[in-house]
PDB file of N, CA and C in Angstrom:
ATOM      1  N   MET A   1    -167.375  94.249  78.314  1.00  0.00           N
ATOM      2  CA  MET A   1    -167.102  95.667  78.369  1.00  0.00           C
ATOM      3  C   MET A   1    -166.420  96.039  79.672  1.00  0.00           C
ATOM      4  N   MET A   2    -166.845  95.453  80.730  1.00  0.00           N
ATOM      5  CA  MET A   2    -166.290  95.781  82.016  1.00  0.00           C
ATOM      6  C   MET A   2    -164.797  95.439  82.073  1.00  0.00           C
ATOM      7  N   PHE A   3    -164.412  94.341  81.465  1.00  0.00           N
ATOM      8  CA  PHE A   3    -163.007  93.933  81.456  1.00  0.00           C
ATOM      9  C   PHE A   3    -162.157  94.938  80.701  1.00  0.00           C
ATOM     10  N   TRP A   4    -162.588  95.368  79.550  1.00  0.00           N
ATOM     11  CA  TRP A   4    -161.814  96.314  78.729  1.00  0.00           C
ATOM     12  C   TRP A   4    -161.622  97.659  79.430  1.00  0.00           C
ATOM     13  N   GLY A   5    -162.641  98.200  79.977  1.00  0.00           N
ATOM     14  CA  GLY A   5    -162.570  99.507  80.615  1.00  0.00           C
ATOM     15  C   GLY A   5    -161.795  99.503  81.923  1.00  0.00           C
ATOM     16  N   ASN A   6    -161.896  98.464  82.705  1.00  0.00           N
ATOM     17  CA  ASN A   6    -161.271  98.467  84.017  1.00  0.00           C
ATOM     18  C   ASN A   6    -159.827  97.981  84.017  1.00  0.00           C
ATOM     19  N   HIS A   7    -159.501  97.025  83.211  1.00  0.00           N
ATOM     20  CA  HIS A   7    -158.180  96.408  83.291  1.00  0.00           C
ATOM     21  C   HIS A   7    -157.193  96.900  82.235  1.00  0.00           C
ATOM     22  N   MET A   8    -157.661  97.375  81.146  1.00  0.00           N
ATOM     23  CA  MET A   8    -156.750  97.768  80.080  1.00  0.00           C
ATOM     24  C   MET A   8    -156.516  99.280  80.030  1.00  0.00           C
ATOM     25  N   GLY A   9    -157.158 100.045  80.822  1.00  0.00           N
ATOM     26  CA  GLY A   9    -156.928 101.478  80.853  1.00  0.00           C
ATOM     27  C   GLY A   9    -157.824 102.267  79.937  1.00  0.00           C
ATOM     28  N   GLY A  10    -158.628 101.626  79.155  1.00  0.00           N
ATOM     29  CA  GLY A  10    -159.573 102.323  78.289  1.00  0.00           C
ATOM     30  C   GLY A  10    -158.892 103.185  77.248  1.00  0.00           C
ATOM     31  N   GLY A  11    -159.413 104.393  77.058  1.00  0.00           N
ATOM     32  CA  GLY A  11    -158.901 105.310  76.047  1.00  0.00           C
ATOM     33  C   GLY A  11    -157.514 105.842  76.362  1.00  0.00           C
ATOM     34  N   TRP A  12    -157.165 105.913  77.640  1.00  0.00           N
ATOM     35  CA  TRP A  12    -155.833 106.416  78.009  1.00  0.00           C
ATOM     36  C   TRP A  12    -154.724 105.512  77.486  1.00  0.00           C
ATOM     37  N   ASN A  13    -154.949 104.219  77.551  1.00  0.00           N
ATOM     38  CA  ASN A  13    -153.956 103.273  77.058  1.00  0.00           C
ATOM     39  C   ASN A  13    -153.728 103.471  75.562  1.00  0.00           C
ATOM     40  N   LEU A  14    -154.790 103.640  74.812  1.00  0.00           N
ATOM     41  CA  LEU A  14    -154.697 103.865  73.378  1.00  0.00           C
ATOM     42  C   LEU A  14    -153.992 105.191  73.081  1.00  0.00           C
ATOM     43  N   LEU A  15    -154.302 106.225  73.835  1.00  0.00           N
ATOM     44  CA  LEU A  15    -153.689 107.525  73.653  1.00  0.00           C
ATOM     45  C   LEU A  15    -152.189 107.480  73.946  1.00  0.00           C
ATOM     46  N   LEU A  16    -151.826 106.859  75.056  1.00  0.00           N
ATOM     47  CA  LEU A  16    -150.405 106.769  75.419  1.00  0.00           C
ATOM     48  C   LEU A  16    -149.614 105.927  74.429  1.00  0.00           C
ATOM     49  N   THR A  17    -150.213 104.886  73.917  1.00  0.00           N
ATOM     50  CA  THR A  17    -149.551 104.064  72.903  1.00  0.00           C
ATOM     51  C   THR A  17    -149.319 104.871  71.629  1.00  0.00           C
ATOM     52  N   GLY A  18    -150.312 105.651  71.242  1.00  0.00           N
ATOM     53  CA  GLY A  18    -150.149 106.495  70.051  1.00  0.00           C
ATOM     54  C   GLY A  18    -149.063 107.537  70.233  1.00  0.00           C
ATOM     55  N   VAL A  19    -149.018 108.163  71.409  1.00  0.00           N
ATOM     56  CA  VAL A  19    -147.967 109.145  71.694  1.00  0.00           C
ATOM     57  C   VAL A  19    -146.600 108.477  71.680  1.00  0.00           C
ATOM     58  N   LEU A  20    -146.504 107.273  72.236  1.00  0.00           N
ATOM     59  CA  LEU A  20    -145.250 106.524  72.241  1.00  0.00           C
ATOM     60  C   LEU A  20    -144.770 106.259  70.814  1.00  0.00           C
ATOM     61  N   TRP A  21    -145.656 105.804  69.944  1.00  0.00           N
ATOM     62  CA  TRP A  21    -145.274 105.510  68.566  1.00  0.00           C
ATOM     63  C   TRP A  21    -144.889 106.780  67.805  1.00  0.00           C
ATOM     64  N   ILE A  22    -145.587 107.852  68.025  1.00  0.00           N
ATOM     65  CA  ILE A  22    -145.217 109.119  67.376  1.00  0.00           C
ATOM     66  C   ILE A  22    -143.825 109.547  67.839  1.00  0.00           C
ATOM     67  N   GLY A  23    -143.554 109.395  69.130  1.00  0.00           N
ATOM     68  CA  GLY A  23    -142.234 109.728  69.663  1.00  0.00           C
ATOM     69  C   GLY A  23    -141.140 108.872  69.050  1.00  0.00           C
ATOM     70  N   ILE A  24    -141.402 107.587  68.869  1.00  0.00           N
ATOM     71  CA  ILE A  24    -140.419 106.681  68.259  1.00  0.00           C
ATOM     72  C   ILE A  24    -140.149 107.074  66.813  1.00  0.00           C
ATOM     73  N   VAL A  25    -141.187 107.407  66.067  1.00  0.00           N
ATOM     74  CA  VAL A  25    -141.019 107.816  64.674  1.00  0.00           C
ATOM     75  C   VAL A  25    -140.233 109.125  64.587  1.00  0.00           C
ATOM     76  N   VAL A  26    -140.565 110.098  65.428  1.00  0.00           N
ATOM     77  CA  VAL A  26    -139.848 111.376  65.426  1.00  0.00           C
ATOM     78  C   VAL A  26    -138.385 111.164  65.797  1.00  0.00           C
ATOM     79  N   LEU A  27    -138.123 110.346  66.807  1.00  0.00           N
ATOM     80  CA  LEU A  27    -136.750 110.048  67.204  1.00  0.00           C
ATOM     81  C   LEU A  27    -135.986 109.370  66.071  1.00  0.00           C
ATOM     82  N   GLY A  28    -136.638 108.450  65.380  1.00  0.00           N
ATOM     83  CA  GLY A  28    -135.996 107.772  64.249  1.00  0.00           C
ATOM     84  C   GLY A  28    -135.640 108.738  63.130  1.00  0.00           C
ATOM     85  N   ILE A  29    -136.544 109.636  62.810  1.00  0.00           N
ATOM     86  CA  ILE A  29    -136.272 110.626  61.763  1.00  0.00           C
ATOM     87  C   ILE A  29    -135.126 111.537  62.186  1.00  0.00           C
ATOM     88  N   TRP A  30    -135.119 111.967  63.432  1.00  0.00           N
ATOM     89  CA  TRP A  30    -134.047 112.824  63.928  1.00  0.00           C
ATOM     90  C   TRP A  30    -132.701 112.098  63.865  1.00  0.00           C
ATOM     91  N   LEU A  31    -132.665 110.820  64.262  1.00  0.00           N
ATOM     92  CA  LEU A  31    -131.422 110.051  64.194  1.00  0.00           C
ATOM     93  C   LEU A  31    -130.930 109.894  62.756  1.00  0.00           C
ATOM     94  N   LEU A  32    -131.847 109.646  61.837  1.00  0.00           N
ATOM     95  CA  LEU A  32    -131.450 109.502  60.437  1.00  0.00           C
ATOM     96  C   LEU A  32    -130.862 110.797  59.881  1.00  0.00           C
ATOM     97  N   THR A  33    -131.430 111.943  60.265  1.00  0.00           N
ATOM     98  CA  THR A  33    -130.882 113.208  59.776  1.00  0.00           C
ATOM     99  C   THR A  33    -129.513 113.485  60.381  1.00  0.00           C
ATOM    100  N   LYS A  34    -129.255 113.015  61.579  1.00  0.00           N
ATOM    101  CA  LYS A  34    -127.941 113.197  62.199  1.00  0.00           C
ATOM    102  C   LYS A  34    -126.912 112.237  61.611  1.00  0.00           C
ATOM    103  N   LEU A  35    -127.350 111.022  61.275  1.00  0.00           N
ATOM    104  CA  LEU A  35    -126.426 110.035  60.728  1.00  0.00           C
ATOM    105  C   LEU A  35    -126.097 110.295  59.260  1.00  0.00           C
ATOM    106  N   PHE A  36    -127.032 110.849  58.515  1.00  0.00           N
ATOM    107  CA  PHE A  36    -126.854 111.085  57.092  1.00  0.00           C
ATOM    108  C   PHE A  36    -127.110 112.550  56.752  1.00  0.00           C
ATOM    109  N   PRO A  37    -126.225 113.471  57.151  1.00  0.00           N
ATOM    110  CA  PRO A  37    -126.469 114.897  56.914  1.00  0.00           C
ATOM    111  C   PRO A  37    -126.287 115.299  55.457  1.00  0.00           C
ATOM    112  N   ALA A  38    -125.664 114.472  54.640  1.00  0.00           N
ATOM    113  CA  ALA A  38    -125.402 114.826  53.244  1.00  0.00           C
ATOM    114  C   ALA A  38    -126.631 114.687  52.364  1.00  0.00           C
ATOM    115  N   SER A  39    -127.766 114.321  52.907  1.00  0.00           N
ATOM    116  CA  SER A  39    -128.963 114.136  52.081  1.00  0.00           C
ATOM    117  C   SER A  39    -129.461 115.446  51.497  1.00  0.00           C
ATOM    118  N   GLY A  40    -129.042 116.590  52.022  1.00  0.00           N
ATOM    119  CA  GLY A  40    -129.462 117.882  51.512  1.00  0.00           C
ATOM    120  C   GLY A  40    -128.507 118.454  50.485  1.00  0.00           C
ATOM    121  N   ARG A  41    -127.793 117.616  49.771  1.00  0.00           N
ATOM    122  CA  ARG A  41    -126.802 118.073  48.803  1.00  0.00           C
ATOM    123  C   ARG A  41    -127.400 118.831  47.636  1.00  0.00           C
ATOM    124  N   SER A  42    -128.634 118.577  47.296  1.00  0.00           N
ATOM    125  CA  SER A  42    -129.212 119.255  46.141  1.00  0.00           C
ATOM    126  C   SER A  42    -129.242 120.760  46.352  1.00  0.00           C
ATOM    127  N   ASN A  43    -129.472 121.218  47.566  1.00  0.00           N
ATOM    128  CA  ASN A  43    -129.457 122.646  47.850  1.00  0.00           C
ATOM    129  C   ASN A  43    -128.051 123.207  47.845  1.00  0.00           C
ATOM    130  N   SER A  44    -127.094 122.467  48.392  1.00  0.00           N
ATOM    131  CA  SER A  44    -125.733 122.984  48.490  1.00  0.00           C
ATOM    132  C   SER A  44    -125.001 122.901  47.156  1.00  0.00           C
ATOM    133  N   SER A  45    -125.453 122.062  46.229  1.00  0.00           N
ATOM    134  CA  SER A  45    -124.752 121.934  44.955  1.00  0.00           C
ATOM    135  C   SER A  45    -124.873 123.204  44.120  1.00  0.00           C
ATOM    136  N   ARG A  46    -125.908 123.993  44.347  1.00  0.00           N
ATOM    137  CA  ARG A  46    -126.049 125.244  43.605  1.00  0.00           C
ATOM    138  C   ARG A  46    -124.981 126.246  44.006  1.00  0.00           C
ATOM    139  N   HIS A  47    -124.532 126.191  45.230  1.00  0.00           N
ATOM    140  CA  HIS A  47    -123.563 127.152  45.732  1.00  0.00           C
ATOM    141  C   HIS A  47    -122.142 126.634  45.674  1.00  0.00           C
ATOM    142  N   THR A  48    -121.943 125.408  45.222  1.00  0.00           N
ATOM    143  CA  THR A  48    -120.616 124.809  45.232  1.00  0.00           C
ATOM    144  C   THR A  48    -119.646 125.594  44.366  1.00  0.00           C
ATOM    145  N   GLY A  49    -120.053 126.014  43.193  1.00  0.00           N
ATOM    146  CA  GLY A  49    -119.169 126.765  42.315  1.00  0.00           C
ATOM    147  C   GLY A  49    -118.739 128.076  42.932  1.00  0.00           C
ATOM    148  N   GLU A  50    -119.685 128.777  43.539  1.00  0.00           N
ATOM    149  CA  GLU A  50    -119.361 130.049  44.190  1.00  0.00           C
ATOM    150  C   GLU A  50    -118.421 129.819  45.361  1.00  0.00           C
ATOM    151  N   GLU A  51    -118.675 128.784  46.146  1.00  0.00           N
ATOM    152  CA  GLU A  51    -117.834 128.505  47.297  1.00  0.00           C
ATOM    153  C   GLU A  51    -116.432 128.128  46.863  1.00  0.00           C
ATOM    154  N   GLN A  52    -116.313 127.332  45.792  1.00  0.00           N
ATOM    155  CA  GLN A  52    -114.988 126.958  45.308  1.00  0.00           C
ATOM    156  C   GLN A  52    -114.230 128.169  44.799  1.00  0.00           C
ATOM    157  N   GLN A  53    -114.904 129.071  44.135  1.00  0.00           N
ATOM    158  CA  GLN A  53    -114.246 130.274  43.632  1.00  0.00           C
ATOM    159  C   GLN A  53    -113.760 131.134  44.791  1.00  0.00           C
ATOM    160  N   LEU A  54    -114.587 131.287  45.826  1.00  0.00           N
ATOM    161  CA  LEU A  54    -114.178 132.064  46.991  1.00  0.00           C
ATOM    162  C   LEU A  54    -113.010 131.399  47.702  1.00  0.00           C
ATOM    163  N   GLU A  55    -113.044 130.076  47.792  1.00  0.00           N
ATOM    164  CA  GLU A  55    -111.962 129.353  48.450  1.00  0.00           C
ATOM    165  C   GLU A  55    -110.666 129.509  47.666  1.00  0.00           C
ATOM    166  N   THR A  56    -110.751 129.429  46.338  1.00  0.00           N
ATOM    167  CA  THR A  56    -109.568 129.603  45.509  1.00  0.00           C
ATOM    168  C   THR A  56    -109.016 131.006  45.658  1.00  0.00           C
ATOM    169  N   THR A  57    -109.889 131.999  45.673  1.00  0.00           N
ATOM    170  CA  THR A  57    -109.453 133.381  45.837  1.00  0.00           C
ATOM    171  C   THR A  57    -108.780 133.574  47.185  1.00  0.00           C
ATOM    172  N   SER A  58    -109.336 133.001  48.231  1.00  0.00           N
ATOM    173  CA  SER A  58    -108.729 133.161  49.556  1.00  0.00           C
ATOM    174  C   SER A  58    -107.399 132.435  49.627  1.00  0.00           C
ATOM    175  N   ARG A  59    -107.277 131.290  48.943  1.00  0.00           N
ATOM    176  CA  ARG A  59    -105.997 130.585  48.915  1.00  0.00           C
ATOM    177  C   ARG A  59    -104.949 131.423  48.205  1.00  0.00           C
ATOM    178  N   GLN A  60    -105.332 132.034  47.089  1.00  0.00           N
ATOM    179  CA  GLN A  60    -104.372 132.866  46.365  1.00  0.00           C
ATOM    180  C   GLN A  60    -103.953 134.051  47.211  1.00  0.00           C
ATOM    181  N   GLY A  61    -104.889 134.649  47.909  1.00  0.00           N
ATOM    182  CA  GLY A  61    -104.557 135.759  48.796  1.00  0.00           C
ATOM    183  C   GLY A  61    -103.591 135.301  49.872  1.00  0.00           C
ATOM    184  N   SER A  62    -103.844 134.160  50.446  1.00  0.00           N
ATOM    185  CA  SER A  62    -102.970 133.621  51.475  1.00  0.00           C
ATOM    186  C   SER A  62    -101.605 133.290  50.906  1.00  0.00           C
ATOM    187  N   ALA A  63    -101.591 132.683  49.730  1.00  0.00           N
ATOM    188  CA  ALA A  63    -100.314 132.328  49.109  1.00  0.00           C
ATOM    189  C   ALA A  63     -99.520 133.585  48.781  1.00  0.00           C
ATOM    190  N   LEU A  64    -100.194 134.618  48.297  1.00  0.00           N
ATOM    191  CA  LEU A  64     -99.510 135.870  47.978  1.00  0.00           C
ATOM    192  C   LEU A  64     -98.958 136.525  49.236  1.00  0.00           C
ATOM    193  N   GLU A  65     -99.732 136.466  50.319  1.00  0.00           N
ATOM    194  CA  GLU A  65     -99.246 137.018  51.583  1.00  0.00           C
ATOM    195  C   GLU A  65     -98.012 136.265  52.074  1.00  0.00           C
ATOM    196  N   ILE A  66     -98.047 134.948  51.971  1.00  0.00           N
ATOM    197  CA  ILE A  66     -96.896 134.140  52.379  1.00  0.00           C
ATOM    198  C   ILE A  66     -95.692 134.467  51.510  1.00  0.00           C
ATOM    199  N   LEU A  67     -95.945 134.608  50.208  1.00  0.00           N
ATOM    200  CA  LEU A  67     -94.861 134.947  49.285  1.00  0.00           C
ATOM    201  C   LEU A  67     -94.246 136.297  49.647  1.00  0.00           C
ATOM    202  N   GLN A  68     -95.084 137.264  49.943  1.00  0.00           N
ATOM    203  CA  GLN A  68     -94.581 138.594  50.311  1.00  0.00           C
ATOM    204  C   GLN A  68     -93.776 138.537  51.606  1.00  0.00           C
ATOM    205  N   ARG A  69     -94.221 137.757  52.560  1.00  0.00           N
ATOM    206  CA  ARG A  69     -93.469 137.624  53.815  1.00  0.00           C
ATOM    207  C   ARG A  69     -92.124 136.950  53.582  1.00  0.00           C
ATOM    208  N   ARG A  70     -92.118 135.915  52.738  1.00  0.00           N
ATOM    209  CA  ARG A  70     -90.844 135.236  52.448  1.00  0.00           C
ATOM    210  C   ARG A  70     -89.868 136.175  51.751  1.00  0.00           C
ATOM    211  N   TYR A  71     -90.366 136.987  50.847  1.00  0.00           N
ATOM    212  CA  TYR A  71     -89.516 137.950  50.149  1.00  0.00           C
ATOM    213  C   TYR A  71     -89.015 139.017  51.125  1.00  0.00           C
ATOM    214  N   ALA A  72     -89.896 139.465  52.023  1.00  0.00           N
ATOM    215  CA  ALA A  72     -89.497 140.482  53.000  1.00  0.00           C
ATOM    216  C   ALA A  72     -88.440 139.952  53.964  1.00  0.00           C
ATOM    217  N   ARG A  73     -88.495 138.665  54.280  1.00  0.00           N
ATOM    218  CA  ARG A  73     -87.495 138.077  55.176  1.00  0.00           C
ATOM    219  C   ARG A  73     -86.205 137.741  54.456  1.00  0.00           C
ATOM    220  N   GLY A  74     -86.189 137.852  53.140  1.00  0.00           N
ATOM    221  CA  GLY A  74     -84.985 137.554  52.363  1.00  0.00           C
ATOM    222  C   GLY A  74     -84.796 136.083  52.056  1.00  0.00           C
ATOM    223  N   GLU A  75     -85.864 135.299  52.181  1.00  0.00           N
ATOM    224  CA  GLU A  75     -85.772 133.872  51.905  1.00  0.00           C
ATOM    225  C   GLU A  75     -85.704 133.581  50.413  1.00  0.00           C
ATOM    226  N   ILE A  76     -86.260 134.463  49.584  1.00  0.00           N
ATOM    227  CA  ILE A  76     -86.242 134.269  48.140  1.00  0.00           C
ATOM    228  C   ILE A  76     -85.746 135.551  47.480  1.00  0.00           C
ATOM    229  N   THR A  77     -85.237 135.385  46.264  1.00  0.00           N
ATOM    230  CA  THR A  77     -84.723 136.544  45.518  1.00  0.00           C
ATOM    231  C   THR A  77     -85.871 137.256  44.823  1.00  0.00           C
ATOM    232  N   LYS A  78     -85.549 138.427  44.265  1.00  0.00           N
ATOM    233  CA  LYS A  78     -86.563 139.192  43.548  1.00  0.00           C
ATOM    234  C   LYS A  78     -87.055 138.428  42.327  1.00  0.00           C
ATOM    235  N   GLU A  79     -86.153 137.742  41.622  1.00  0.00           N
ATOM    236  CA  GLU A  79     -86.545 136.966  40.446  1.00  0.00           C
ATOM    237  C   GLU A  79     -87.488 135.829  40.833  1.00  0.00           C
ATOM    238  N   GLU A  80     -87.167 135.141  41.935  1.00  0.00           N
ATOM    239  CA  GLU A  80     -88.050 134.063  42.404  1.00  0.00           C
ATOM    240  C   GLU A  80     -89.412 134.631  42.809  1.00  0.00           C
ATOM    241  N   TYR A  81     -89.380 135.767  43.485  1.00  0.00           N
ATOM    242  CA  TYR A  81     -90.622 136.417  43.908  1.00  0.00           C
ATOM    243  C   TYR A  81     -91.495 136.746  42.703  1.00  0.00           C
ATOM    244  N   GLU A  82     -90.908 137.381  41.680  1.00  0.00           N
ATOM    245  CA  GLU A  82     -91.675 137.755  40.494  1.00  0.00           C
ATOM    246  C   GLU A  82     -92.229 136.519  39.764  1.00  0.00           C
ATOM    247  N   THR A  83     -91.404 135.481  39.662  1.00  0.00           N
ATOM    248  CA  THR A  83     -91.841 134.260  38.970  1.00  0.00           C
ATOM    249  C   THR A  83     -93.021 133.601  39.697  1.00  0.00           C
ATOM    250  N   ILE A  84     -92.901 133.487  41.010  1.00  0.00           N
ATOM    251  CA  ILE A  84     -93.975 132.846  41.798  1.00  0.00           C
ATOM    252  C   ILE A  84     -95.226 133.724  41.786  1.00  0.00           C
ATOM    253  N   ARG A  85     -95.049 135.016  41.914  1.00  0.00           N
ATOM    254  CA  ARG A  85     -96.198 135.921  41.915  1.00  0.00           C
ATOM    255  C   ARG A  85     -96.945 135.812  40.586  1.00  0.00           C
ATOM    256  N   HIS A  86     -96.194 135.732  39.484  1.00  0.00           N
ATOM    257  CA  HIS A  86     -96.813 135.576  38.152  1.00  0.00           C
ATOM    258  C   HIS A  86     -97.574 134.254  38.071  1.00  0.00           C
ATOM    259  N   ASP A  87     -96.986 133.184  38.621  1.00  0.00           N
ATOM    260  CA  ASP A  87     -97.659 131.873  38.613  1.00  0.00           C
ATOM    261  C   ASP A  87     -98.941 131.886  39.443  1.00  0.00           C
ATOM    262  N   LEU A  88     -98.913 132.602  40.550  1.00  0.00           N
ATOM    263  CA  LEU A  88    -100.110 132.676  41.395  1.00  0.00           C
ATOM    264  C   LEU A  88    -101.208 133.494  40.738  1.00  0.00           C
ATOM    265  N   ALA A  89    -100.832 134.494  39.977  1.00  0.00           N
ATOM    266  CA  ALA A  89    -101.823 135.355  39.321  1.00  0.00           C
ATOM    267  C   ALA A  89    -102.533 134.625  38.178  1.00  0.00           C
ATOM    268  N   SER A  90    -101.882 133.644  37.601  1.00  0.00           N
ATOM    269  CA  SER A  90    -102.491 132.955  36.441  1.00  0.00           C
ATOM    270  C   SER A  90    -103.292 131.744  36.825  1.00  0.00           C
TER     271      SER A  90
END
């Protein structure tokens, strides 16, 4: 008994070892979440359709704005403008 208590640190050694292992496990979990962030796809898949629709709408808005600027600068004719605008609307 005397050897265990005096030379090995007693309960403190066991406590510090446990804290060390908990820290290693927490660090490992944190590293895995940073290395593989796509593991939460099940939650984001519900919103994918909405996000794609919003992205498509914003692209069309941007394309229409670009088309209007090109027409205003005289880069395209009125017929080209109407044809492209119709294609973007559909």
